[in-house]
N, C-alpha and C. Protein backbone atom coordinates (compact mmCIF):
# COMPACT_ATOMS: atom_id res chain seq x y z
N MET A 1 -19.46 33.64 17.75
CA MET A 1 -19.47 32.26 17.31
C MET A 1 -19.36 32.17 15.79
N SER A 2 -19.91 33.14 15.09
CA SER A 2 -19.86 33.11 13.63
C SER A 2 -18.43 33.28 13.13
N GLU A 3 -17.57 33.92 13.92
CA GLU A 3 -16.17 34.04 13.51
C GLU A 3 -15.49 32.68 13.46
N TYR A 4 -15.87 31.77 14.34
CA TYR A 4 -15.32 30.42 14.31
C TYR A 4 -15.81 29.66 13.08
N ILE A 5 -17.06 29.87 12.74
CA ILE A 5 -17.62 29.22 11.56
C ILE A 5 -16.91 29.74 10.31
N ASN A 6 -16.69 31.07 10.24
CA ASN A 6 -15.98 31.65 9.10
C ASN A 6 -14.54 31.13 9.03
N GLU A 7 -13.89 31.05 10.17
CA GLU A 7 -12.52 30.53 10.22
C GLU A 7 -12.48 29.08 9.74
N ARG A 8 -13.45 28.30 10.18
CA ARG A 8 -13.54 26.90 9.76
C ARG A 8 -13.70 26.81 8.25
N GLU A 9 -14.56 27.61 7.67
CA GLU A 9 -14.77 27.61 6.23
C GLU A 9 -13.50 28.00 5.48
N LYS A 10 -12.78 28.98 6.00
CA LYS A 10 -11.52 29.38 5.38
C LYS A 10 -10.50 28.24 5.41
N ILE A 11 -10.46 27.56 6.51
CA ILE A 11 -9.54 26.43 6.66
C ILE A 11 -9.91 25.32 5.67
N ILE A 12 -11.18 25.03 5.55
CA ILE A 12 -11.64 24.00 4.61
C ILE A 12 -11.25 24.38 3.19
N GLN A 13 -11.44 25.63 2.82
CA GLN A 13 -11.09 26.09 1.47
C GLN A 13 -9.59 26.00 1.22
N GLU A 14 -8.81 26.35 2.23
CA GLU A 14 -7.36 26.28 2.10
C GLU A 14 -6.89 24.84 1.96
N ILE A 15 -7.50 23.93 2.69
CA ILE A 15 -7.16 22.51 2.58
C ILE A 15 -7.47 22.01 1.18
N LYS A 16 -8.61 22.40 0.62
CA LYS A 16 -8.97 21.99 -0.74
C LYS A 16 -7.96 22.53 -1.74
N ARG A 17 -7.57 23.78 -1.58
CA ARG A 17 -6.60 24.39 -2.49
C ARG A 17 -5.26 23.66 -2.43
N LEU A 18 -4.81 23.38 -1.22
CA LEU A 18 -3.53 22.69 -1.05
C LEU A 18 -3.59 21.25 -1.58
N ASN A 19 -4.73 20.58 -1.41
CA ASN A 19 -4.86 19.22 -1.95
C ASN A 19 -4.74 19.21 -3.46
N CYS A 20 -5.31 20.21 -4.12
CA CYS A 20 -5.18 20.32 -5.58
C CYS A 20 -3.72 20.53 -5.97
N LEU A 21 -3.04 21.39 -5.23
CA LEU A 21 -1.63 21.66 -5.50
C LEU A 21 -0.79 20.41 -5.30
N ILE A 22 -1.05 19.69 -4.22
CA ILE A 22 -0.31 18.47 -3.92
C ILE A 22 -0.55 17.43 -5.02
N LYS A 23 -1.78 17.35 -5.51
CA LYS A 23 -2.10 16.41 -6.58
C LYS A 23 -1.25 16.70 -7.81
N GLU A 24 -1.16 17.96 -8.18
CA GLU A 24 -0.34 18.36 -9.33
C GLU A 24 1.13 18.04 -9.10
N LEU A 25 1.62 18.29 -7.89
CA LEU A 25 3.01 18.00 -7.57
C LEU A 25 3.30 16.50 -7.65
N ARG A 26 2.38 15.68 -7.18
CA ARG A 26 2.57 14.23 -7.25
C ARG A 26 2.63 13.74 -8.69
N ILE A 27 1.79 14.33 -9.54
CA ILE A 27 1.80 13.96 -10.95
C ILE A 27 3.14 14.35 -11.57
N ASN A 28 3.61 15.57 -11.27
CA ASN A 28 4.90 16.03 -11.80
C ASN A 28 6.05 15.16 -11.29
N LYS A 29 5.98 14.77 -10.03
CA LYS A 29 7.02 13.91 -9.45
C LYS A 29 7.06 12.57 -10.18
N LYS A 30 5.89 12.00 -10.43
CA LYS A 30 5.83 10.71 -11.09
C LYS A 30 6.39 10.80 -12.51
N GLU A 31 6.05 11.85 -13.24
CA GLU A 31 6.56 12.03 -14.60
C GLU A 31 8.07 12.21 -14.59
N THR A 32 8.58 13.00 -13.66
CA THR A 32 10.01 13.24 -13.56
C THR A 32 10.76 11.96 -13.21
N GLU A 33 10.22 11.20 -12.28
CA GLU A 33 10.85 9.94 -11.90
C GLU A 33 10.87 8.97 -13.07
N GLN A 34 9.81 8.97 -13.87
CA GLN A 34 9.77 8.08 -15.03
C GLN A 34 10.87 8.46 -16.03
N LYS A 35 11.10 9.75 -16.22
CA LYS A 35 12.16 10.21 -17.12
C LYS A 35 13.53 9.80 -16.59
N ILE A 36 13.71 9.90 -15.28
CA ILE A 36 14.98 9.50 -14.67
C ILE A 36 15.19 8.00 -14.85
N VAL A 37 14.14 7.21 -14.64
CA VAL A 37 14.23 5.75 -14.80
C VAL A 37 14.62 5.42 -16.23
N GLU A 38 13.97 6.04 -17.21
CA GLU A 38 14.31 5.78 -18.61
C GLU A 38 15.77 6.12 -18.89
N PHE A 39 16.23 7.26 -18.38
CA PHE A 39 17.61 7.70 -18.56
C PHE A 39 18.57 6.67 -17.99
N MET A 40 18.29 6.23 -16.76
CA MET A 40 19.18 5.28 -16.09
C MET A 40 19.17 3.92 -16.78
N GLU A 41 18.00 3.48 -17.24
CA GLU A 41 17.92 2.18 -17.89
C GLU A 41 18.63 2.19 -19.24
N GLU A 42 18.55 3.29 -19.97
CA GLU A 42 19.25 3.39 -21.25
C GLU A 42 20.76 3.27 -21.09
N ARG A 43 21.27 3.73 -19.96
CA ARG A 43 22.70 3.73 -19.71
C ARG A 43 23.14 2.63 -18.74
N ASP A 44 22.22 1.73 -18.41
CA ASP A 44 22.50 0.63 -17.48
C ASP A 44 23.10 1.13 -16.17
N MET A 45 22.51 2.16 -15.62
CA MET A 45 22.97 2.74 -14.35
C MET A 45 22.07 2.24 -13.22
N GLU A 46 22.67 1.92 -12.08
CA GLU A 46 21.91 1.52 -10.91
C GLU A 46 21.72 2.68 -9.94
N ILE A 47 22.73 3.58 -9.90
CA ILE A 47 22.69 4.73 -8.99
C ILE A 47 23.08 5.98 -9.75
N LEU A 48 22.35 7.05 -9.53
CA LEU A 48 22.64 8.34 -10.15
C LEU A 48 22.49 9.43 -9.09
N ASP A 49 23.58 10.09 -8.77
CA ASP A 49 23.58 11.16 -7.75
C ASP A 49 22.92 10.72 -6.45
N GLY A 50 23.24 9.52 -6.03
CA GLY A 50 22.74 9.02 -4.75
C GLY A 50 21.33 8.47 -4.80
N VAL A 51 20.73 8.44 -5.99
CA VAL A 51 19.37 7.90 -6.12
C VAL A 51 19.45 6.56 -6.82
N ALA A 52 18.94 5.53 -6.17
CA ALA A 52 18.98 4.17 -6.73
C ALA A 52 17.80 3.96 -7.67
N LEU A 53 18.05 3.22 -8.72
CA LEU A 53 17.01 2.90 -9.70
C LEU A 53 15.86 2.16 -9.02
N SER A 54 16.18 1.28 -8.10
CA SER A 54 15.13 0.51 -7.42
C SER A 54 14.21 1.39 -6.58
N ASP A 55 14.72 2.56 -6.15
CA ASP A 55 13.89 3.49 -5.37
C ASP A 55 12.86 4.19 -6.25
N LEU A 56 13.15 4.31 -7.53
CA LEU A 56 12.29 5.06 -8.43
C LEU A 56 11.25 4.19 -9.12
N LYS A 57 11.55 2.92 -9.27
CA LYS A 57 10.60 2.02 -9.94
C LYS A 57 9.42 1.75 -9.03
N PRO A 58 8.23 1.67 -9.62
CA PRO A 58 7.06 1.35 -8.79
C PRO A 58 7.17 -0.07 -8.23
N ASN A 59 6.73 -0.22 -7.00
CA ASN A 59 6.77 -1.53 -6.35
C ASN A 59 5.61 -2.37 -6.83
N SER A 60 5.88 -3.64 -7.06
CA SER A 60 4.80 -4.54 -7.40
C SER A 60 4.29 -5.16 -6.10
N ARG A 61 3.03 -5.02 -5.88
CA ARG A 61 2.45 -5.55 -4.65
C ARG A 61 1.98 -6.98 -4.87
N LYS A 62 2.10 -7.75 -3.83
CA LYS A 62 1.59 -9.11 -3.89
C LYS A 62 0.07 -9.07 -3.77
N LYS A 63 -0.56 -10.00 -4.48
CA LYS A 63 -2.00 -10.11 -4.36
C LYS A 63 -2.35 -10.68 -3.00
N ARG A 64 -3.46 -10.21 -2.46
CA ARG A 64 -3.94 -10.76 -1.21
C ARG A 64 -4.62 -12.09 -1.48
N LYS A 65 -4.46 -12.99 -0.55
CA LYS A 65 -5.12 -14.28 -0.68
C LYS A 65 -6.61 -14.12 -0.40
N LYS A 66 -7.38 -14.90 -1.12
CA LYS A 66 -8.81 -14.94 -0.85
C LYS A 66 -9.02 -15.69 0.46
N LYS A 67 -10.16 -15.45 1.07
CA LYS A 67 -10.46 -16.09 2.33
C LYS A 67 -10.43 -17.62 2.19
N SER A 68 -10.96 -18.11 1.08
CA SER A 68 -10.98 -19.57 0.87
C SER A 68 -9.57 -20.12 0.71
N GLU A 69 -8.68 -19.36 0.06
CA GLU A 69 -7.29 -19.81 -0.10
C GLU A 69 -6.58 -19.83 1.25
N LYS A 70 -6.83 -18.83 2.07
CA LYS A 70 -6.23 -18.80 3.41
C LYS A 70 -6.68 -20.02 4.21
N ARG A 71 -7.97 -20.31 4.11
CA ARG A 71 -8.53 -21.44 4.85
C ARG A 71 -7.89 -22.75 4.39
N GLU A 72 -7.80 -22.92 3.08
CA GLU A 72 -7.20 -24.14 2.53
C GLU A 72 -5.74 -24.29 2.97
N ASP A 73 -5.00 -23.21 2.92
CA ASP A 73 -3.60 -23.25 3.34
C ASP A 73 -3.47 -23.57 4.82
N ALA A 74 -4.34 -22.98 5.62
CA ALA A 74 -4.29 -23.23 7.07
C ALA A 74 -4.62 -24.69 7.37
N LEU A 75 -5.63 -25.23 6.71
CA LEU A 75 -5.99 -26.63 6.94
C LEU A 75 -4.87 -27.57 6.51
N GLU A 76 -4.24 -27.26 5.38
CA GLU A 76 -3.11 -28.07 4.92
C GLU A 76 -1.97 -28.01 5.93
N PHE A 77 -1.71 -26.83 6.46
CA PHE A 77 -0.67 -26.66 7.47
C PHE A 77 -0.96 -27.50 8.70
N LEU A 78 -2.21 -27.44 9.17
CA LEU A 78 -2.60 -28.19 10.36
C LEU A 78 -2.49 -29.71 10.11
N LYS A 79 -2.86 -30.14 8.92
CA LYS A 79 -2.76 -31.57 8.59
C LYS A 79 -1.30 -32.01 8.59
N ASN A 80 -0.41 -31.16 8.10
CA ASN A 80 1.02 -31.51 8.06
C ASN A 80 1.60 -31.68 9.45
N TYR A 81 1.01 -31.03 10.45
CA TYR A 81 1.50 -31.15 11.81
C TYR A 81 0.65 -32.10 12.64
N ASP A 82 -0.09 -32.95 11.96
CA ASP A 82 -0.88 -34.02 12.61
C ASP A 82 -1.79 -33.50 13.72
N ILE A 83 -2.46 -32.40 13.46
CA ILE A 83 -3.45 -31.87 14.41
C ILE A 83 -4.72 -32.70 14.25
N ASP A 84 -5.23 -33.20 15.37
CA ASP A 84 -6.48 -33.95 15.31
C ASP A 84 -7.62 -33.00 14.95
N GLU A 85 -8.45 -33.39 14.05
CA GLU A 85 -9.59 -32.61 13.58
C GLU A 85 -9.17 -31.17 13.21
N PRO A 86 -8.41 -31.02 12.13
CA PRO A 86 -7.92 -29.69 11.74
C PRO A 86 -9.04 -28.70 11.44
N GLU A 87 -10.17 -29.21 10.94
CA GLU A 87 -11.30 -28.35 10.63
C GLU A 87 -11.85 -27.68 11.89
N THR A 88 -12.06 -28.47 12.93
CA THR A 88 -12.56 -27.96 14.20
C THR A 88 -11.55 -27.01 14.83
N PHE A 89 -10.30 -27.41 14.79
CA PHE A 89 -9.24 -26.56 15.34
C PHE A 89 -9.23 -25.20 14.63
N TYR A 90 -9.32 -25.24 13.31
CA TYR A 90 -9.30 -24.01 12.52
C TYR A 90 -10.49 -23.12 12.86
N LEU A 91 -11.68 -23.70 12.94
CA LEU A 91 -12.87 -22.92 13.26
C LEU A 91 -12.76 -22.27 14.64
N ASN A 92 -12.27 -23.02 15.62
CA ASN A 92 -12.09 -22.47 16.96
C ASN A 92 -11.04 -21.36 16.96
N PHE A 93 -9.99 -21.58 16.20
CA PHE A 93 -8.95 -20.55 16.10
C PHE A 93 -9.51 -19.28 15.49
N MET A 94 -10.30 -19.41 14.43
CA MET A 94 -10.86 -18.23 13.77
C MET A 94 -11.83 -17.48 14.68
N LYS A 95 -12.52 -18.20 15.55
CA LYS A 95 -13.41 -17.52 16.51
C LYS A 95 -12.60 -16.63 17.45
N THR A 96 -11.40 -17.06 17.81
CA THR A 96 -10.58 -16.25 18.71
C THR A 96 -10.04 -15.01 18.00
N GLN A 97 -9.98 -15.04 16.68
CA GLN A 97 -9.42 -13.91 15.91
C GLN A 97 -10.45 -12.83 15.63
N SER A 98 -11.72 -13.14 15.73
CA SER A 98 -12.74 -12.13 15.42
C SER A 98 -13.04 -11.29 16.64
N PHE A 99 -13.55 -10.13 16.38
CA PHE A 99 -13.84 -9.19 17.49
C PHE A 99 -15.25 -9.35 17.98
């Protein structure tokens, strides 16, 4: 049984080692991509050797709506469609969405 424990420990150590290596590779990839982006932007290039500039630029993520903003938008939506008692409708709808 101790051989399984030793094997498990070896696996854990190898995973840690590989995670460190992957971290370094991701950093190098990001730096290299930034250099490519700068090169392409200086020359007004959209594609270089099959790599599109848009693929290299970081994506801007949309902010998530706050719960209160979602609620306000939902109530406004329900009012626009002439739902009777949109507040009650919304509360009942939200009950169906929870686990």
